[in-house]
N, C-alpha and C. Protein backbone atom coordinates (compact mmCIF):
# COMPACT_ATOMS: atom_id res chain seq x y z
N MET A 1 52.44 160.22 145.55
CA MET A 1 50.89 160.97 146.10
C MET A 1 50.38 161.42 147.36
N ASN A 2 50.47 162.83 147.81
CA ASN A 2 50.31 162.94 148.73
C ASN A 2 49.02 162.36 149.98
N ARG A 3 49.68 162.03 151.09
CA ARG A 3 48.13 161.19 151.91
C ARG A 3 46.70 161.42 151.54
N PRO A 4 46.28 163.28 151.62
CA PRO A 4 44.74 162.75 151.63
C PRO A 4 44.63 162.78 150.12
N THR A 5 45.67 162.37 149.66
CA THR A 5 45.14 162.29 147.60
C THR A 5 45.21 160.36 147.51
N ALA A 6 46.08 159.56 148.62
CA ALA A 6 46.07 158.18 148.64
C ALA A 6 44.61 158.00 149.06
N VAL A 7 44.33 158.73 150.32
CA VAL A 7 43.07 157.93 150.92
C VAL A 7 41.53 157.74 150.14
N LYS A 8 41.76 159.49 149.15
CA LYS A 8 40.43 159.65 148.61
C LYS A 8 40.92 158.77 147.10
N SER A 9 41.89 158.46 146.34
CA SER A 9 41.97 157.35 145.74
C SER A 9 41.16 155.67 146.36
N HIS A 10 41.74 155.81 147.39
CA HIS A 10 41.59 154.81 148.39
C HIS A 10 40.00 154.31 148.19
N ALA A 11 39.47 155.31 148.57
CA ALA A 11 38.18 155.12 148.96
C ALA A 11 37.38 155.43 147.94
N THR A 12 37.43 155.95 146.61
CA THR A 12 36.66 156.06 145.61
C THR A 12 37.39 154.80 144.19
N TYR A 13 38.22 154.50 144.36
CA TYR A 13 38.87 153.12 143.43
C TYR A 13 38.94 152.01 144.14
N THR A 14 39.09 151.55 144.99
CA THR A 14 38.92 150.62 145.88
C THR A 14 37.93 150.17 146.77
N VAL A 15 37.79 150.68 147.75
CA VAL A 15 36.44 150.94 148.05
C VAL A 15 34.97 151.00 148.19
N LYS A 16 34.93 152.04 146.80
CA LYS A 16 33.32 152.33 146.05
C LYS A 16 33.60 151.05 145.13
N TRP A 17 34.58 151.39 144.56
CA TRP A 17 34.26 150.26 143.31
C TRP A 17 33.95 148.83 143.65
N ALA A 18 34.37 148.56 144.92
CA ALA A 18 34.15 146.96 144.88
C ALA A 18 33.05 146.59 145.42
N VAL A 19 32.25 147.65 146.52
CA VAL A 19 31.16 147.79 147.60
C VAL A 19 30.23 147.63 146.41
N ASP A 20 30.35 149.00 145.71
CA ASP A 20 29.61 148.61 144.40
C ASP A 20 29.14 147.12 143.81
N ARG A 21 29.87 146.93 143.11
CA ARG A 21 29.94 145.64 142.29
C ARG A 21 29.77 144.15 143.24
N LEU A 22 29.87 144.38 144.68
CA LEU A 22 29.73 143.37 145.43
C LEU A 22 28.45 142.94 146.15
N LYS A 23 27.91 144.18 146.40
CA LYS A 23 26.51 144.74 146.39
C LYS A 23 25.27 144.24 145.08
N LYS A 24 26.25 144.59 143.78
CA LYS A 24 25.36 144.43 142.72
C LYS A 24 25.34 142.60 142.65
N ASP A 25 25.75 142.09 142.81
CA ASP A 25 26.19 140.90 142.41
C ASP A 25 26.31 139.59 143.82
N TYR A 26 26.08 140.38 144.73
CA TYR A 26 26.42 138.72 146.10
C TYR A 26 25.55 139.48 147.30
N PHE A 27 25.38 141.34 147.48
CA PHE A 27 24.77 141.16 148.70
C PHE A 27 23.71 142.19 148.55
N ASP A 28 22.98 142.29 149.37
CA ASP A 28 21.64 142.66 149.26
C ASP A 28 21.42 144.18 149.95
N LYS A 29 22.06 144.04 151.36
CA LYS A 29 22.21 145.68 151.84
C LYS A 29 23.54 145.67 152.53
N ASP A 30 23.73 146.96 153.10
CA ASP A 30 24.67 147.70 154.11
C ASP A 30 25.10 146.76 155.40
N PRO A 31 26.00 147.07 155.73
CA PRO A 31 26.40 146.59 157.28
C PRO A 31 24.82 147.51 157.89
N GLU A 32 25.07 147.48 158.80
CA GLU A 32 24.10 147.82 160.05
C GLU A 32 24.62 149.13 160.29
N GLU A 33 26.10 149.20 160.99
CA GLU A 33 27.11 150.59 161.23
C GLU A 33 27.46 151.05 160.12
N ILE A 34 27.90 151.96 160.55
CA ILE A 34 29.10 152.77 159.51
C ILE A 34 30.71 152.21 160.42
N LEU A 35 31.14 151.27 159.16
CA LEU A 35 32.58 151.02 159.73
C LEU A 35 33.46 151.98 159.38
N ASP A 36 34.83 151.80 160.21
CA ASP A 36 36.15 152.71 160.05
C ASP A 36 36.84 151.75 159.26
N ILE A 37 37.89 152.64 157.81
CA ILE A 37 39.07 151.58 157.65
C ILE A 37 40.59 152.44 157.94
N TRP A 38 41.34 151.56 158.54
CA TRP A 38 42.68 151.90 158.79
C TRP A 38 43.61 151.75 157.98
N LEU A 39 43.77 152.35 157.27
CA LEU A 39 45.03 151.90 155.56
C LEU A 39 46.38 152.45 156.55
N PHE A 40 46.96 151.33 157.26
CA PHE A 40 48.60 151.97 157.76
C PHE A 40 49.34 151.59 156.37
N ARG A 41 50.76 152.67 156.17
CA ARG A 41 51.31 152.45 154.99
C ARG A 41 52.75 151.66 154.76
N SER A 42 52.41 150.91 155.83
CA SER A 42 53.67 150.04 155.83
C SER A 42 53.76 148.90 157.36
N ALA A 43 54.09 148.08 156.73
CA ALA A 43 54.16 146.60 158.14
C ALA A 43 54.83 147.24 159.22
N ASP A 44 55.84 148.44 159.52
CA ASP A 44 55.79 148.68 160.52
C ASP A 44 55.13 149.11 161.22
N SER A 45 54.10 150.90 160.65
CA SER A 45 53.23 151.25 161.13
C SER A 45 51.52 150.34 161.21
N TYR A 46 51.58 149.53 160.83
CA TYR A 46 50.34 148.71 160.79
C TYR A 46 50.60 147.83 162.40
N ASN A 47 51.44 147.39 162.25
CA ASN A 47 51.91 146.22 163.43
C ASN A 47 52.30 147.25 164.91
N ARG A 48 52.40 148.37 164.32
CA ARG A 48 52.70 149.40 165.94
C ARG A 48 51.61 150.12 166.18
N TYR A 49 50.55 150.38 165.41
CA TYR A 49 49.32 151.12 165.45
C TYR A 49 48.33 149.83 166.13
N THR A 50 48.29 148.81 165.58
CA THR A 50 47.41 147.78 165.71
C THR A 50 47.39 147.43 167.19
N ARG A 51 48.76 147.33 167.35
CA ARG A 51 48.89 146.83 168.97
C ARG A 51 48.18 148.49 170.03
N GLU A 52 48.55 149.71 169.50
CA GLU A 52 48.66 150.57 170.60
C GLU A 52 47.05 151.18 170.42
N ILE A 53 46.72 151.24 169.44
CA ILE A 53 45.03 151.96 168.84
C ILE A 53 44.14 150.57 169.66
N PHE A 54 44.15 149.83 168.69
CA PHE A 54 43.09 148.32 169.24
C PHE A 54 43.73 147.24 170.28
N ASN A 55 44.98 147.71 170.79
CA ASN A 55 45.24 146.44 171.85
C ASN A 55 45.28 144.72 170.85
N ASP A 56 45.47 145.00 169.39
CA ASP A 56 45.40 143.82 168.96
C ASP A 56 46.73 143.40 168.53
N THR A 57 47.34 142.17 168.02
CA THR A 57 48.40 142.10 167.84
C THR A 57 47.62 140.79 166.16
N PRO A 58 48.35 141.56 164.70
CA PRO A 58 47.67 141.12 164.08
C PRO A 58 48.33 139.68 163.69
N THR A 59 47.17 138.68 162.77
CA THR A 59 48.10 137.57 162.61
C THR A 59 47.87 137.03 161.60
N THR A 60 48.08 138.29 160.38
CA THR A 60 48.51 138.11 159.20
C THR A 60 49.43 139.27 159.00
N PRO A 61 50.13 139.38 157.74
CA PRO A 61 50.78 140.50 157.63
C PRO A 61 49.97 141.71 156.83
N PHE A 62 49.03 140.80 156.24
CA PHE A 62 47.78 142.27 155.24
C PHE A 62 47.47 143.08 155.87
N GLY A 63 46.18 142.50 156.98
CA GLY A 63 44.98 143.35 157.37
C GLY A 63 43.70 141.91 157.60
N TYR A 64 43.27 142.83 158.59
CA TYR A 64 41.98 142.03 158.76
C TYR A 64 40.51 142.96 159.07
N PHE A 65 39.31 142.63 159.52
CA PHE A 65 38.38 143.22 159.54
C PHE A 65 38.68 142.49 161.39
N SER A 66 38.30 143.66 162.38
CA SER A 66 37.70 143.48 163.59
C SER A 66 36.48 143.64 163.50
N TYR A 67 36.14 142.58 164.26
CA TYR A 67 34.38 142.93 164.67
C TYR A 67 34.03 143.49 166.34
N GLU A 68 34.94 143.60 167.00
CA GLU A 68 34.81 144.24 168.22
C GLU A 68 34.83 146.01 167.96
N HIS A 69 35.59 145.97 166.86
CA HIS A 69 35.94 147.51 166.19
C HIS A 69 35.15 148.16 165.61
N ARG A 70 34.44 147.10 164.75
CA ARG A 70 33.65 147.17 163.79
C ARG A 70 34.29 148.48 162.83
N ALA A 71 35.59 147.76 162.16
CA ALA A 71 37.05 148.48 161.29
C ALA A 71 37.51 147.34 160.82
N LEU A 72 38.09 147.70 159.30
CA LEU A 72 38.83 147.16 158.22
C LEU A 72 40.39 147.62 159.00
N ILE A 73 41.33 146.60 159.29
CA ILE A 73 42.63 147.10 159.39
C ILE A 73 43.34 146.73 158.59
N MET A 74 44.49 147.93 157.86
CA MET A 74 45.29 146.88 156.99
C MET A 74 46.47 147.74 156.77
N ASN A 75 47.77 146.61 156.04
CA ASN A 75 48.78 147.35 155.57
C ASN A 75 48.40 147.48 154.42
N ILE A 76 48.44 149.07 153.83
CA ILE A 76 47.59 148.99 152.42
C ILE A 76 48.84 149.07 151.88
N ALA A 77 50.10 148.90 152.24
CA ALA A 77 51.70 148.58 151.13
C ALA A 77 51.19 147.15 150.82
N THR A 78 50.54 146.34 151.14
CA THR A 78 50.26 144.95 150.38
C THR A 78 49.42 145.03 149.51
N GLY A 79 48.95 146.36 149.00
CA GLY A 79 48.03 146.60 147.74
C GLY A 79 46.57 145.95 148.54
N GLY A 80 45.92 146.62 147.11
CA GLY A 80 44.42 146.85 147.57
C GLY A 80 43.83 145.45 147.58
N GLY A 81 44.19 144.44 147.02
CA GLY A 81 43.81 143.15 147.02
C GLY A 81 42.83 142.90 148.18
N THR A 82 43.58 143.11 148.89
CA THR A 82 43.31 142.70 150.65
C THR A 82 42.54 143.50 151.13
N LEU A 83 42.32 144.85 151.21
CA LEU A 83 40.74 145.42 151.36
C LEU A 83 39.75 145.12 150.54
N VAL A 84 40.02 144.83 149.55
CA VAL A 84 38.81 144.18 149.14
C VAL A 84 38.40 142.67 149.38
N HIS A 85 38.88 142.25 149.80
CA HIS A 85 38.60 140.74 150.09
C HIS A 85 38.38 141.15 151.60
N GLU A 86 38.72 141.87 152.08
CA GLU A 86 38.64 142.44 153.85
C GLU A 86 36.74 143.29 154.01
N ILE A 87 36.64 143.66 152.65
CA ILE A 87 35.11 144.46 152.64
C ILE A 87 34.24 143.30 152.44
N VAL A 88 34.52 142.09 152.38
CA VAL A 88 33.17 140.83 152.32
C VAL A 88 33.03 141.03 153.56
N HIS A 89 33.91 140.94 154.64
CA HIS A 89 33.58 140.26 156.12
C HIS A 89 32.33 141.21 156.53
N PRO A 90 32.15 141.91 156.49
CA PRO A 90 31.29 142.75 157.23
C PRO A 90 29.99 143.06 156.35
N LEU A 91 29.94 142.72 154.74
CA LEU A 91 28.78 142.62 154.16
C LEU A 91 28.45 141.12 154.90
N HIS A 92 28.79 140.06 154.64
CA HIS A 92 28.31 138.67 155.16
C HIS A 92 28.23 138.47 156.43
N PRO A 93 26.88 138.54 156.79
CA PRO A 93 26.57 138.43 158.25
C PRO A 93 26.89 137.15 158.76
């Protein structure tokens, strides 16, 4: 799958799907601002670019929500489950 197709797939079948269901069952409103989602394709790119772009050192090999950068930062090679988990953080004040 090429990168644009993979990004569209994650946006539609993971992010939108999860947000729709989480809001239906648990949360009344969206976060106050638009968030960025950074999906890195491997552990190497996740570790490298998290340091270069955000000046962060990941404490987990999966991903995290950065309140400072208002961004979900993920090693998507670990699967979509972590992405769904991280979506909860900005929905829960």
